[in-house]
């Protein structure tokens, strides 16, 4: 009799454990479905929560944890592909650096002797510049030196005229602008007309002076060419 009771108790405990496992499994399945984006039936949710002894907060926390772990697992599953891509990139980088080293070696082989030669050429050009200065400074032709001095003096005089006229032209434009501004805000028509007339006079003066500048610039260009030609003659032996 005691033996039969013991077996009965074992059978009941086994069934209870099985039902508990089924309730836990049902809750876990519900969590998986919701975490995967599937919307379950409300009655089913209520039934699973009741049978498993879980609350809505328990379900919410379990779903959030499941979603977080799914995201973490997705990151982990990417590691083989990421590693493969990184190794391929590293291979290309190594190949590129190897090519760069070869190119640098070729460049060095070509450039080094040219750099050395350019340094020699620079020294020779520097010496030639010193020779040019000595030729100019030791020119024995007094007439040529006098002519150059006269041309230089003319250049300075013409340049002074150009600068003077340019400054006066700018002043005229500035005065004309100020007068027209005053005319635009004047409340007396007579005063406005008088101011505009004065502005016109300044602008006419600027135009007349500007007409004088053009031939002076032409003269300046001719004198500068003349100076260049004369200075070239200083370099004749």
C-alpha atoms as a PDB file:
ATOM      1  CA  UNK A   1       0.000   0.000   0.000  1.00  0.00           C
ATOM      2  CA  UNK A   2       2.836   2.375   0.871  1.00  0.00           C
ATOM      3  CA  UNK A   3       4.567   1.429  -2.366  1.00  0.00           C
ATOM      4  CA  UNK A   4       1.535   2.371  -4.449  1.00  0.00           C
ATOM      5  CA  UNK A   5       1.242   5.721  -2.635  1.00  0.00           C
ATOM      6  CA  UNK A   6       4.892   6.497  -3.311  1.00  0.00           C
ATOM      7  CA  UNK A   7       4.450   5.775  -6.987  1.00  0.00           C
ATOM      8  CA  UNK A   8       1.344   7.948  -7.085  1.00  0.00           C
ATOM      9  CA  UNK A   9       3.180  10.838  -5.442  1.00  0.00           C
ATOM     10  CA  UNK A  10       6.066  10.499  -7.885  1.00  0.00           C
ATOM     11  CA  UNK A  11       3.626  10.487 -10.774  1.00  0.00           C
ATOM     12  CA  UNK A  12       1.851  13.621  -9.499  1.00  0.00           C
ATOM     13  CA  UNK A  13       5.159  15.445  -8.946  1.00  0.00           C
ATOM     14  CA  UNK A  14       6.296  14.484 -12.427  1.00  0.00           C
ATOM     15  CA  UNK A  15       3.085  15.818 -13.949  1.00  0.00           C
ATOM     16  CA  UNK A  16       3.380  19.048 -11.974  1.00  0.00           C
ATOM     17  CA  UNK A  17       6.962  19.511 -13.114  1.00  0.00           C
ATOM     18  CA  UNK A  18       5.950  18.828 -16.696  1.00  0.00           C
ATOM     19  CA  UNK A  19       3.107  21.377 -16.501  1.00  0.00           C
ATOM     20  CA  UNK A  20       5.520  23.923 -14.993  1.00  0.00           C
ATOM     21  CA  UNK A  21       7.997  23.305 -17.780  1.00  0.00           C
ATOM     22  CA  UNK A  22       5.204  23.710 -20.322  1.00  0.00           C
ATOM     23  CA  UNK A  23       4.128  27.002 -18.690  1.00  0.00           C
ATOM     24  CA  UNK A  24       7.733  28.296 -18.789  1.00  0.00           C
ATOM     25  CA  UNK A  25       8.075  27.143 -22.395  1.00  0.00           C
ATOM     26  CA  UNK A  26       4.810  28.870 -23.342  1.00  0.00           C
ATOM     27  CA  UNK A  27       6.016  32.095 -21.753  1.00  0.00           C
ATOM     28  CA  UNK A  28       9.374  31.833 -23.537  1.00  0.00           C
ATOM     29  CA  UNK A  29       7.643  31.180 -26.880  1.00  0.00           C
ATOM     30  CA  UNK A  30       5.407  34.210 -26.301  1.00  0.00           C
ATOM     31  CA  UNK A  31       8.476  36.362 -25.585  1.00  0.00           C
ATOM     32  CA  UNK A  32      10.200  35.127 -28.744  1.00  0.00           C
ATOM     33  CA  UNK A  33       7.183  35.890 -30.946  1.00  0.00           C
ATOM     34  CA  UNK A  34       6.714  39.406 -29.570  1.00  0.00           C
ATOM     35  CA  UNK A  35      10.464  40.162 -29.787  1.00  0.00           C
ATOM     36  CA  UNK A  36      10.365  39.045 -33.423  1.00  0.00           C
ATOM     37  CA  UNK A  37       7.655  41.612 -34.156  1.00  0.00           C
ATOM     38  CA  UNK A  38       4.695  39.237 -34.189  1.00  0.00           C
ATOM     39  CA  UNK A  39       1.561  40.467 -32.443  1.00  0.00           C
ATOM     40  CA  UNK A  40      -0.027  37.681 -30.358  1.00  0.00           C
ATOM     41  CA  UNK A  41      -3.707  37.232 -29.516  1.00  0.00           C
ATOM     42  CA  UNK A  42      -4.646  39.153 -26.366  1.00  0.00           C
ATOM     43  CA  UNK A  43      -6.489  36.153 -24.886  1.00  0.00           C
ATOM     44  CA  UNK A  44      -3.439  33.964 -25.468  1.00  0.00           C
ATOM     45  CA  UNK A  45      -1.225  36.500 -23.705  1.00  0.00           C
ATOM     46  CA  UNK A  46      -3.609  36.640 -20.760  1.00  0.00           C
ATOM     47  CA  UNK A  47      -3.724  32.858 -20.565  1.00  0.00           C
ATOM     48  CA  UNK A  48       0.064  32.426 -20.755  1.00  0.00           C
ATOM     49  CA  UNK A  49       0.645  35.099 -18.097  1.00  0.00           C
ATOM     50  CA  UNK A  50      -1.953  33.529 -15.816  1.00  0.00           C
ATOM     51  CA  UNK A  51      -0.584  30.004 -16.196  1.00  0.00           C
ATOM     52  CA  UNK A  52       3.049  31.058 -15.801  1.00  0.00           C
ATOM     53  CA  UNK A  53       2.421  33.392 -12.902  1.00  0.00           C
ATOM     54  CA  UNK A  54       3.972  36.314 -14.813  1.00  0.00           C
ATOM     55  CA  UNK A  55       2.855  39.952 -15.022  1.00  0.00           C
ATOM     56  CA  UNK A  56       2.741  42.338 -17.961  1.00  0.00           C
ATOM     57  CA  UNK A  57       5.877  44.038 -16.571  1.00  0.00           C
ATOM     58  CA  UNK A  58       7.598  40.655 -16.505  1.00  0.00           C
ATOM     59  CA  UNK A  59       6.605  40.132 -20.147  1.00  0.00           C
ATOM     60  CA  UNK A  60       7.789  43.616 -21.154  1.00  0.00           C
ATOM     61  CA  UNK A  61      11.152  43.151 -19.421  1.00  0.00           C
ATOM     62  CA  UNK A  62      11.599  39.700 -20.967  1.00  0.00           C
ATOM     63  CA  UNK A  63      10.797  41.009 -24.489  1.00  0.00           C
ATOM     64  CA  UNK A  64      13.228  43.958 -24.118  1.00  0.00           C
ATOM     65  CA  UNK A  65      15.955  41.611 -22.896  1.00  0.00           C
ATOM     66  CA  UNK A  66      15.278  39.221 -25.780  1.00  0.00           C
ATOM     67  CA  UNK A  67      15.457  42.075 -28.323  1.00  0.00           C
ATOM     68  CA  UNK A  68      18.687  43.348 -26.799  1.00  0.00           C
ATOM     69  CA  UNK A  69      20.231  39.882 -26.915  1.00  0.00           C
ATOM     70  CA  UNK A  70      19.091  39.430 -30.526  1.00  0.00           C
ATOM     71  CA  UNK A  71      20.846  42.671 -31.465  1.00  0.00           C
ATOM     72  CA  UNK A  72      23.980  41.606 -29.618  1.00  0.00           C
ATOM     73  CA  UNK A  73      23.928  38.233 -31.335  1.00  0.00           C
ATOM     74  CA  UNK A  74      23.535  39.929 -34.728  1.00  0.00           C
ATOM     75  CA  UNK A  75      26.671  41.928 -33.969  1.00  0.00           C
ATOM     76  CA  UNK A  76      28.497  38.765 -32.998  1.00  0.00           C
ATOM     77  CA  UNK A  77      27.375  36.944 -36.150  1.00  0.00           C
ATOM     78  CA  UNK A  78      28.922  39.723 -38.294  1.00  0.00           C
ATOM     79  CA  UNK A  79      32.407  39.093 -36.924  1.00  0.00           C
ATOM     80  CA  UNK A  80      33.463  36.511 -39.561  1.00  0.00           C
ATOM     81  CA  UNK A  81      32.450  38.798 -42.457  1.00  0.00           C
ATOM     82  CA  UNK A  82      34.023  41.836 -40.805  1.00  0.00           C
ATOM     83  CA  UNK A  83      37.232  39.937 -40.167  1.00  0.00           C
ATOM     84  CA  UNK A  84      37.325  38.679 -43.756  1.00  0.00           C
ATOM     85  CA  UNK A  85      36.847  42.209 -45.113  1.00  0.00           C
ATOM     86  CA  UNK A  86      39.502  43.610 -42.788  1.00  0.00           C
ATOM     87  CA  UNK A  87      42.024  40.990 -43.866  1.00  0.00           C
ATOM     88  CA  UNK A  88      41.290  41.721 -47.547  1.00  0.00           C
ATOM     89  CA  UNK A  89      41.724  45.453 -46.922  1.00  0.00           C
ATOM     90  CA  UNK A  90      44.984  44.871 -45.097  1.00  0.00           C
ATOM     91  CA  UNK A  91      46.236  42.824 -48.034  1.00  0.00           C
ATOM     92  CA  UNK A  92      45.438  45.669 -50.439  1.00  0.00           C
ATOM     93  CA  UNK A  93      47.098  48.162 -48.098  1.00  0.00           C
ATOM     94  CA  UNK A  94      50.252  46.084 -47.933  1.00  0.00           C
ATOM     95  CA  UNK A  95      50.310  45.745 -51.710  1.00  0.00           C
ATOM     96  CA  UNK A  96      49.811  49.501 -52.112  1.00  0.00           C
ATOM     97  CA  UNK A  97      52.657  50.269 -49.706  1.00  0.00           C
ATOM     98  CA  UNK A  98      54.893  47.836 -51.552  1.00  0.00           C
ATOM     99  CA  UNK A  99      54.113  49.567 -54.849  1.00  0.00           C
ATOM    100  CA  UNK A 100      54.690  52.952 -53.222  1.00  0.00           C
ATOM    101  CA  UNK A 101      58.083  51.858 -51.944  1.00  0.00           C
ATOM    102  CA  UNK A 102      59.084  50.673 -55.409  1.00  0.00           C
ATOM    103  CA  UNK A 103      57.870  53.959 -56.919  1.00  0.00           C
ATOM    104  CA  UNK A 104      59.801  55.956 -54.324  1.00  0.00           C
ATOM    105  CA  UNK A 105      62.939  53.982 -55.122  1.00  0.00           C
ATOM    106  CA  UNK A 106      62.475  54.652 -58.855  1.00  0.00           C
ATOM    107  CA  UNK A 107      61.826  58.328 -58.141  1.00  0.00           C
ATOM    108  CA  UNK A 108      64.917  58.546 -55.973  1.00  0.00           C
ATOM    109  CA  UNK A 109      67.051  56.955 -58.675  1.00  0.00           C
ATOM    110  CA  UNK A 110      65.843  59.481 -61.256  1.00  0.00           C
ATOM    111  CA  UNK A 111      65.558  62.583 -59.071  1.00  0.00           C
ATOM    112  CA  UNK A 112      68.757  62.474 -57.017  1.00  0.00           C
ATOM    113  CA  UNK A 113      71.201  63.134 -59.892  1.00  0.00           C
ATOM    114  CA  UNK A 114      68.853  65.798 -61.294  1.00  0.00           C
ATOM    115  CA  UNK A 115      68.643  67.517 -57.912  1.00  0.00           C
ATOM    116  CA  UNK A 116      72.408  67.523 -57.667  1.00  0.00           C
ATOM    117  CA  UNK A 117      72.677  68.945 -61.189  1.00  0.00           C
ATOM    118  CA  UNK A 118      70.112  71.656 -60.417  1.00  0.00           C
ATOM    119  CA  UNK A 119      72.148  72.705 -57.402  1.00  0.00           C
ATOM    120  CA  UNK A 120      75.154  73.094 -59.714  1.00  0.00           C
ATOM    121  CA  UNK A 121      73.053  75.072 -62.201  1.00  0.00           C
ATOM    122  CA  UNK A 122      71.756  77.343 -59.435  1.00  0.00           C
ATOM    123  CA  UNK A 123      75.316  78.096 -58.405  1.00  0.00           C
ATOM    124  CA  UNK A 124      76.251  78.850 -62.008  1.00  0.00           C
ATOM    125  CA  UNK A 125      73.243  81.136 -62.461  1.00  0.00           C
ATOM    126  CA  UNK A 126      74.142  82.950 -59.243  1.00  0.00           C
ATOM    127  CA  UNK A 127      77.659  83.445 -60.574  1.00  0.00           C
ATOM    128  CA  UNK A 128      76.229  84.701 -63.863  1.00  0.00           C
ATOM    129  CA  UNK A 129      74.088  87.252 -61.967  1.00  0.00           C
ATOM    130  CA  UNK A 130      77.192  88.497 -60.187  1.00  0.00           C
ATOM    131  CA  UNK A 131      78.944  88.758 -63.560  1.00  0.00           C
ATOM    132  CA  UNK A 132      75.984  90.738 -64.901  1.00  0.00           C
ATOM    133  CA  UNK A 133      76.241  93.209 -62.010  1.00  0.00           C
ATOM    134  CA  UNK A 134      79.973  93.592 -62.525  1.00  0.00           C
ATOM    135  CA  UNK A 135      79.480  94.228 -66.247  1.00  0.00           C
ATOM    136  CA  UNK A 136      76.922  96.931 -65.481  1.00  0.00           C
ATOM    137  CA  UNK A 137      79.067  98.497 -62.749  1.00  0.00           C
ATOM    138  CA  UNK A 138      82.264  98.541 -64.819  1.00  0.00           C
ATOM    139  CA  UNK A 139      80.810  99.911 -68.065  1.00  0.00           C
ATOM    140  CA  UNK A 140      83.334 102.420 -69.484  1.00  0.00           C
ATOM    141  CA  UNK A 141      80.893 104.121 -71.871  1.00  0.00           C
ATOM    142  CA  UNK A 142      80.110 107.485 -70.273  1.00  0.00           C
ATOM    143  CA  UNK A 143      77.692 108.529 -72.979  1.00  0.00           C
ATOM    144  CA  UNK A 144      75.636 105.370 -72.443  1.00  0.00           C
ATOM    145  CA  UNK A 145      75.552 105.890 -68.680  1.00  0.00           C
ATOM    146  CA  UNK A 146      74.454 109.492 -69.153  1.00  0.00           C
ATOM    147  CA  UNK A 147      71.656 108.436 -71.517  1.00  0.00           C
ATOM    148  CA  UNK A 148      70.423 105.829 -69.035  1.00  0.00           C
ATOM    149  CA  UNK A 149      70.384 108.425 -66.255  1.00  0.00           C
ATOM    150  CA  UNK A 150      68.362 110.781 -68.435  1.00  0.00           C
ATOM    151  CA  UNK A 151      65.846 108.059 -69.284  1.00  0.00           C
ATOM    152  CA  UNK A 152      65.517 107.109 -65.616  1.00  0.00           C
ATOM    153  CA  UNK A 153      64.883 110.765 -64.748  1.00  0.00           C
ATOM    154  CA  UNK A 154      62.188 110.960 -67.429  1.00  0.00           C
ATOM    155  CA  UNK A 155      60.572 107.790 -66.079  1.00  0.00           C
ATOM    156  CA  UNK A 156      60.447 109.292 -62.584  1.00  0.00           C
ATOM    157  CA  UNK A 157      58.947 112.523 -63.919  1.00  0.00           C
ATOM    158  CA  UNK A 158      56.278 110.745 -65.958  1.00  0.00           C
ATOM    159  CA  UNK A 159      55.485 108.437 -63.068  1.00  0.00           C
ATOM    160  CA  UNK A 160      55.057 111.453 -60.804  1.00  0.00           C
ATOM    161  CA  UNK A 161      52.612 113.011 -63.290  1.00  0.00           C
ATOM    162  CA  UNK A 162      50.628 109.771 -63.539  1.00  0.00           C
ATOM    163  CA  UNK A 163      50.408 109.430 -59.740  1.00  0.00           C
ATOM    164  CA  UNK A 164      49.431 113.082 -59.365  1.00  0.00           C
ATOM    165  CA  UNK A 165      46.685 112.843 -61.977  1.00  0.00           C
ATOM    166  CA  UNK A 166      45.446 109.531 -60.610  1.00  0.00           C
ATOM    167  CA  UNK A 167      45.148 111.000 -57.134  1.00  0.00           C
ATOM    168  CA  UNK A 168      43.312 114.050 -58.417  1.00  0.00           C
ATOM    169  CA  UNK A 169      40.947 111.874 -60.463  1.00  0.00           C
ATOM    170  CA  UNK A 170      40.119 109.827 -57.372  1.00  0.00           C
ATOM    171  CA  UNK A 171      39.482 113.008 -55.385  1.00  0.00           C
ATOM    172  CA  UNK A 172      37.138 114.300 -58.103  1.00  0.00           C
ATOM    173  CA  UNK A 173      35.133 111.065 -58.112  1.00  0.00           C
ATOM    174  CA  UNK A 174      34.976 111.130 -54.329  1.00  0.00           C
ATOM    175  CA  UNK A 175      33.812 114.761 -54.250  1.00  0.00           C
ATOM    176  CA  UNK A 176      31.239 114.085 -56.971  1.00  0.00           C
ATOM    177  CA  UNK A 177      29.899 111.130 -54.988  1.00  0.00           C
ATOM    178  CA  UNK A 178      29.632 113.206 -51.805  1.00  0.00           C
ATOM    179  CA  UNK A 179      27.853 116.011 -53.648  1.00  0.00           C
ATOM    180  CA  UNK A 180      25.342 113.663 -55.245  1.00  0.00           C
ATOM    181  CA  UNK A 181      24.671 112.102 -51.843  1.00  0.00           C
ATOM    182  CA  UNK A 182      23.998 115.566 -50.392  1.00  0.00           C
ATOM    183  CA  UNK A 183      21.719 116.377 -53.339  1.00  0.00           C
ATOM    184  CA  UNK A 184      19.713 113.192 -52.782  1.00  0.00           C
ATOM    185  CA  UNK A 185      18.822 114.207 -49.207  1.00  0.00           C
ATOM    186  CA  UNK A 186      18.384 117.925 -49.839  1.00  0.00           C
ATOM    187  CA  UNK A 187      14.856 119.277 -49.278  1.00  0.00           C
ATOM    188  CA  UNK A 188      15.466 122.364 -51.432  1.00  0.00           C
ATOM    189  CA  UNK A 189      15.343 121.757 -55.206  1.00  0.00           C
ATOM    190  CA  UNK A 190      17.648 124.722 -55.933  1.00  0.00           C
ATOM    191  CA  UNK A 191      20.316 123.401 -53.586  1.00  0.00           C
ATOM    192  CA  UNK A 192      19.980 119.910 -55.028  1.00  0.00           C
ATOM    193  CA  UNK A 193      20.426 121.206 -58.577  1.00  0.00           C
ATOM    194  CA  UNK A 194      23.440 123.259 -57.521  1.00  0.00           C
ATOM    195  CA  UNK A 195      25.047 120.240 -55.816  1.00  0.00           C
ATOM    196  CA  UNK A 196      24.439 118.019 -58.836  1.00  0.00           C
ATOM    197  CA  UNK A 197      25.935 120.664 -61.122  1.00  0.00           C
ATOM    198  CA  UNK A 198      29.064 120.788 -58.982  1.00  0.00           C
ATOM    199  CA  UNK A 199      29.216 116.980 -59.061  1.00  0.00           C
ATOM    200  CA  UNK A 200      28.991 117.077 -62.869  1.00  0.00           C
ATOM    201  CA  UNK A 201      31.857 119.571 -62.956  1.00  0.00           C
ATOM    202  CA  UNK A 202      34.037 117.306 -60.815  1.00  0.00           C
ATOM    203  CA  UNK A 203      33.251 114.333 -63.045  1.00  0.00           C
ATOM    204  CA  UNK A 204      34.084 116.335 -66.175  1.00  0.00           C
ATOM    205  CA  UNK A 205      37.365 117.319 -64.593  1.00  0.00           C
ATOM    206  CA  UNK A 206      38.079 113.686 -63.768  1.00  0.00           C
ATOM    207  CA  UNK A 207      37.329 112.691 -67.358  1.00  0.00           C
ATOM    208  CA  UNK A 208      39.643 115.397 -68.743  1.00  0.00           C
ATOM    209  CA  UNK A 209      42.484 114.312 -66.451  1.00  0.00           C
ATOM    210  CA  UNK A 210      41.868 110.665 -67.289  1.00  0.00           C
ATOM    211  CA  UNK A 211      42.355 111.521 -70.967  1.00  0.00           C
ATOM    212  CA  UNK A 212      45.798 112.876 -70.059  1.00  0.00           C
ATOM    213  CA  UNK A 213      46.784 109.720 -68.186  1.00  0.00           C
ATOM    214  CA  UNK A 214      46.511 107.380 -71.180  1.00  0.00           C
ATOM    215  CA  UNK A 215      49.268 108.994 -73.287  1.00  0.00           C
ATOM    216  CA  UNK A 216      51.438 109.272 -70.190  1.00  0.00           C
ATOM    217  CA  UNK A 217      51.135 105.536 -69.636  1.00  0.00           C
ATOM    218  CA  UNK A 218      52.095 104.950 -73.264  1.00  0.00           C
ATOM    219  CA  UNK A 219      55.084 107.251 -72.799  1.00  0.00           C
ATOM    220  CA  UNK A 220      56.028 105.389 -69.623  1.00  0.00           C
ATOM    221  CA  UNK A 221      55.952 102.030 -71.428  1.00  0.00           C
ATOM    222  CA  UNK A 222      58.172 103.415 -74.218  1.00  0.00           C
ATOM    223  CA  UNK A 223      60.661 104.821 -71.704  1.00  0.00           C
ATOM    224  CA  UNK A 224      60.802 101.548 -69.801  1.00  0.00           C
ATOM    225  CA  UNK A 225      61.488  99.634 -73.006  1.00  0.00           C
ATOM    226  CA  UNK A 226      64.171 102.193 -73.855  1.00  0.00           C
ATOM    227  CA  UNK A 227      65.762 101.739 -70.413  1.00  0.00           C
ATOM    228  CA  UNK A 228      65.769  97.968 -70.814  1.00  0.00           C
ATOM    229  CA  UNK A 229      67.473  98.227 -74.202  1.00  0.00           C
ATOM    230  CA  UNK A 230      70.105 100.633 -72.839  1.00  0.00           C
ATOM    231  CA  UNK A 231      70.826  98.457 -69.807  1.00  0.00           C
ATOM    232  CA  UNK A 232      71.318  95.485 -72.120  1.00  0.00           C
ATOM    233  CA  UNK A 233      74.065  97.496 -73.829  1.00  0.00           C
ATOM    234  CA  UNK A 234      75.775  97.836 -70.427  1.00  0.00           C
ATOM    235  CA  UNK A 235      76.402  94.101 -70.582  1.00  0.00           C
ATOM    236  CA  UNK A 236      78.346  94.281 -73.838  1.00  0.00           C
ATOM    237  CA  UNK A 237      82.092  93.669 -73.314  1.00  0.00           C
END
